[in-house]
Amino acid sequence: MAGALLTVKLSRKERELQFRVNLVLDAAEEVFAESSYAQASVEEIARRAEISVGTLYNLFHSKEDIYRGVLSR
């Protein structure tokens, strides 16, 4: 089937991970829009995403990784 979309069923764990990644990227987009990259803090992004800083670092290695994720959306 040319042009057909392939649908893949994600596991619950994969869906939860994707949900958390999206929470972080949504929060980061807000933070980066309100201040410069240099002024934006990982702590503020985590606070707005309502997750701990440790959880954020389990999802992304650095603020730069988060920024790349926002830009690649």
N, C-alpha and C. Protein backbone atom coordinates (compact mmCIF):
# COMPACT_ATOMS: atom_id res chain seq x y z
N MET A 1 0.84 -1.19 0.00
CA MET A 1 0.00 0.00 0.00
C MET A 1 0.88 1.24 0.00
N ALA A 2 1.07 1.81 -1.12
CA ALA A 2 1.88 3.02 -1.23
C ALA A 2 1.15 4.19 -0.59
N GLY A 3 1.86 4.95 0.20
CA GLY A 3 1.30 6.14 0.81
C GLY A 3 0.47 5.89 2.06
N ALA A 4 0.30 4.65 2.45
CA ALA A 4 -0.49 4.34 3.64
C ALA A 4 0.36 4.60 4.89
N LEU A 5 -0.28 5.12 5.91
CA LEU A 5 0.41 5.36 7.17
C LEU A 5 0.46 4.08 7.97
N LEU A 6 1.60 3.81 8.53
CA LEU A 6 1.77 2.64 9.37
C LEU A 6 1.47 3.04 10.80
N THR A 7 0.52 2.38 11.43
CA THR A 7 0.22 2.68 12.82
C THR A 7 0.86 1.61 13.70
N VAL A 8 1.57 2.08 14.70
CA VAL A 8 2.27 1.19 15.62
C VAL A 8 1.67 1.39 17.00
N LYS A 9 1.31 0.31 17.63
CA LYS A 9 0.76 0.38 18.98
C LYS A 9 1.91 0.46 19.97
N LEU A 10 1.96 1.57 20.71
CA LEU A 10 3.00 1.75 21.71
C LEU A 10 2.57 1.10 23.02
N SER A 11 3.54 0.63 23.76
CA SER A 11 3.24 0.07 25.08
C SER A 11 2.87 1.21 26.03
N ARG A 12 2.30 0.87 27.14
CA ARG A 12 1.92 1.88 28.13
C ARG A 12 3.15 2.67 28.57
N LYS A 13 4.24 1.99 28.80
CA LYS A 13 5.47 2.64 29.23
C LYS A 13 5.98 3.63 28.16
N GLU A 14 5.91 3.22 26.90
CA GLU A 14 6.33 4.11 25.81
C GLU A 14 5.41 5.32 25.69
N ARG A 15 4.10 5.11 25.89
CA ARG A 15 3.15 6.23 25.84
C ARG A 15 3.41 7.21 26.99
N GLU A 16 3.69 6.68 28.18
CA GLU A 16 3.98 7.54 29.33
C GLU A 16 5.27 8.34 29.11
N LEU A 17 6.27 7.68 28.54
CA LEU A 17 7.53 8.37 28.24
C LEU A 17 7.29 9.49 27.23
N GLN A 18 6.55 9.21 26.18
CA GLN A 18 6.25 10.24 25.16
C GLN A 18 5.44 11.38 25.77
N PHE A 19 4.53 11.06 26.67
CA PHE A 19 3.74 12.08 27.34
C PHE A 19 4.64 13.01 28.14
N ARG A 20 5.57 12.44 28.90
CA ARG A 20 6.50 13.25 29.71
C ARG A 20 7.41 14.10 28.83
N VAL A 21 7.91 13.52 27.75
CA VAL A 21 8.75 14.28 26.82
C VAL A 21 7.96 15.47 26.29
N ASN A 22 6.72 15.26 25.91
CA ASN A 22 5.90 16.35 25.40
C ASN A 22 5.61 17.41 26.46
N LEU A 23 5.42 16.99 27.72
CA LEU A 23 5.24 17.95 28.82
C LEU A 23 6.45 18.86 28.93
N VAL A 24 7.64 18.25 28.88
CA VAL A 24 8.88 19.02 28.99
C VAL A 24 9.02 19.97 27.81
N LEU A 25 8.78 19.48 26.60
CA LEU A 25 8.93 20.32 25.42
C LEU A 25 7.92 21.46 25.41
N ASP A 26 6.70 21.21 25.85
CA ASP A 26 5.70 22.28 25.95
C ASP A 26 6.16 23.35 26.94
N ALA A 27 6.61 22.91 28.11
CA ALA A 27 7.08 23.85 29.13
C ALA A 27 8.31 24.61 28.64
N ALA A 28 9.23 23.91 28.01
CA ALA A 28 10.45 24.55 27.51
C ALA A 28 10.13 25.59 26.45
N GLU A 29 9.19 25.28 25.60
CA GLU A 29 8.80 26.24 24.55
C GLU A 29 8.33 27.55 25.19
N GLU A 30 7.54 27.45 26.26
CA GLU A 30 7.08 28.64 26.98
C GLU A 30 8.25 29.40 27.60
N VAL A 31 9.13 28.67 28.27
CA VAL A 31 10.26 29.31 28.95
C VAL A 31 11.18 29.99 27.94
N PHE A 32 11.50 29.30 26.85
CA PHE A 32 12.39 29.89 25.84
C PHE A 32 11.73 31.09 25.16
N ALA A 33 10.41 31.09 25.03
CA ALA A 33 9.71 32.21 24.41
C ALA A 33 9.71 33.44 25.30
N GLU A 34 9.75 33.23 26.61
CA GLU A 34 9.69 34.33 27.56
C GLU A 34 11.05 34.93 27.90
N SER A 35 12.10 34.15 27.71
CA SER A 35 13.44 34.64 28.05
C SER A 35 14.44 34.07 27.05
N SER A 36 15.65 34.54 27.14
CA SER A 36 16.67 34.04 26.22
C SER A 36 17.08 32.62 26.62
N TYR A 37 17.74 31.95 25.70
CA TYR A 37 18.25 30.61 25.98
C TYR A 37 19.14 30.64 27.22
N ALA A 38 20.02 31.63 27.29
CA ALA A 38 20.97 31.72 28.41
C ALA A 38 20.25 31.93 29.74
N GLN A 39 19.16 32.68 29.72
CA GLN A 39 18.43 32.96 30.97
C GLN A 39 17.49 31.82 31.36
N ALA A 40 17.09 31.00 30.42
CA ALA A 40 16.19 29.89 30.72
C ALA A 40 16.91 28.86 31.60
N SER A 41 16.20 28.34 32.58
CA SER A 41 16.82 27.35 33.46
C SER A 41 16.10 26.01 33.36
N VAL A 42 16.87 24.97 33.54
CA VAL A 42 16.31 23.62 33.57
C VAL A 42 15.33 23.49 34.73
N GLU A 43 15.63 24.14 35.83
CA GLU A 43 14.76 24.09 37.00
C GLU A 43 13.38 24.68 36.69
N GLU A 44 13.35 25.81 35.95
CA GLU A 44 12.08 26.44 35.58
C GLU A 44 11.30 25.56 34.61
N ILE A 45 11.99 24.95 33.67
CA ILE A 45 11.33 24.05 32.73
C ILE A 45 10.71 22.88 33.48
N ALA A 46 11.46 22.29 34.40
CA ALA A 46 10.94 21.17 35.19
C ALA A 46 9.75 21.61 36.03
N ARG A 47 9.84 22.78 36.65
CA ARG A 47 8.74 23.29 37.48
C ARG A 47 7.47 23.43 36.65
N ARG A 48 7.59 24.01 35.46
CA ARG A 48 6.41 24.21 34.61
C ARG A 48 5.86 22.89 34.07
N ALA A 49 6.73 21.93 33.86
CA ALA A 49 6.29 20.61 33.39
C ALA A 49 5.74 19.77 34.54
N GLU A 50 5.90 20.28 35.76
CA GLU A 50 5.45 19.60 36.97
C GLU A 50 6.11 18.24 37.15
N ILE A 51 7.42 18.23 36.90
CA ILE A 51 8.24 17.04 37.14
C ILE A 51 9.49 17.47 37.89
N SER A 52 10.20 16.52 38.44
CA SER A 52 11.44 16.85 39.15
C SER A 52 12.57 17.09 38.15
N VAL A 53 13.58 17.80 38.60
CA VAL A 53 14.75 18.04 37.75
C VAL A 53 15.41 16.70 37.40
N GLY A 54 15.43 15.77 38.33
CA GLY A 54 16.00 14.45 38.06
C GLY A 54 15.26 13.72 36.95
N THR A 55 13.94 13.79 36.98
CA THR A 55 13.15 13.16 35.92
C THR A 55 13.43 13.83 34.58
N LEU A 56 13.54 15.15 34.60
CA LEU A 56 13.85 15.87 33.36
C LEU A 56 15.18 15.38 32.78
N TYR A 57 16.19 15.23 33.64
CA TYR A 57 17.49 14.77 33.17
C TYR A 57 17.48 13.29 32.76
N ASN A 58 16.49 12.53 33.20
CA ASN A 58 16.34 11.17 32.68
C ASN A 58 15.80 11.19 31.25
N LEU A 59 15.09 12.24 30.90
CA LEU A 59 14.51 12.38 29.57
C LEU A 59 15.44 13.10 28.58
N PHE A 60 16.17 14.08 29.07
CA PHE A 60 17.07 14.90 28.26
C PHE A 60 18.40 15.05 28.99
N HIS A 61 19.49 15.04 28.24
CA HIS A 61 20.82 15.12 28.86
C HIS A 61 21.21 16.53 29.27
N SER A 62 20.64 17.54 28.60
CA SER A 62 21.05 18.91 28.88
C SER A 62 19.99 19.89 28.40
N LYS A 63 20.18 21.16 28.77
CA LYS A 63 19.29 22.21 28.29
C LYS A 63 19.38 22.30 26.77
N GLU A 64 20.56 22.09 26.24
CA GLU A 64 20.75 22.11 24.79
C GLU A 64 19.92 21.02 24.11
N ASP A 65 19.87 19.83 24.69
CA ASP A 65 19.04 18.74 24.15
C ASP A 65 17.56 19.13 24.16
N ILE A 66 17.14 19.77 25.23
CA ILE A 66 15.75 20.22 25.31
C ILE A 66 15.47 21.24 24.21
N TYR A 67 16.38 22.18 24.06
CA TYR A 67 16.23 23.23 23.04
C TYR A 67 16.16 22.60 21.64
N ARG A 68 17.02 21.64 21.37
CA ARG A 68 16.98 20.95 20.08
C ARG A 68 15.63 20.25 19.87
N GLY A 69 15.11 19.66 20.95
CA GLY A 69 13.80 19.00 20.87
C GLY A 69 12.69 19.97 20.53
N VAL A 70 12.74 21.15 21.13
CA VAL A 70 11.74 22.19 20.84
C VAL A 70 11.84 22.61 19.38
N LEU A 71 13.06 22.82 18.91
CA LEU A 71 13.25 23.28 17.52
C LEU A 71 12.87 22.21 16.50
N SER A 72 13.06 20.95 16.84
CA SER A 72 12.80 19.89 15.88
C SER A 72 11.33 19.48 15.80
N ARG A 73 10.50 20.03 16.67
CA ARG A 73 9.07 19.71 16.62
C ARG A 73 8.51 20.12 15.35
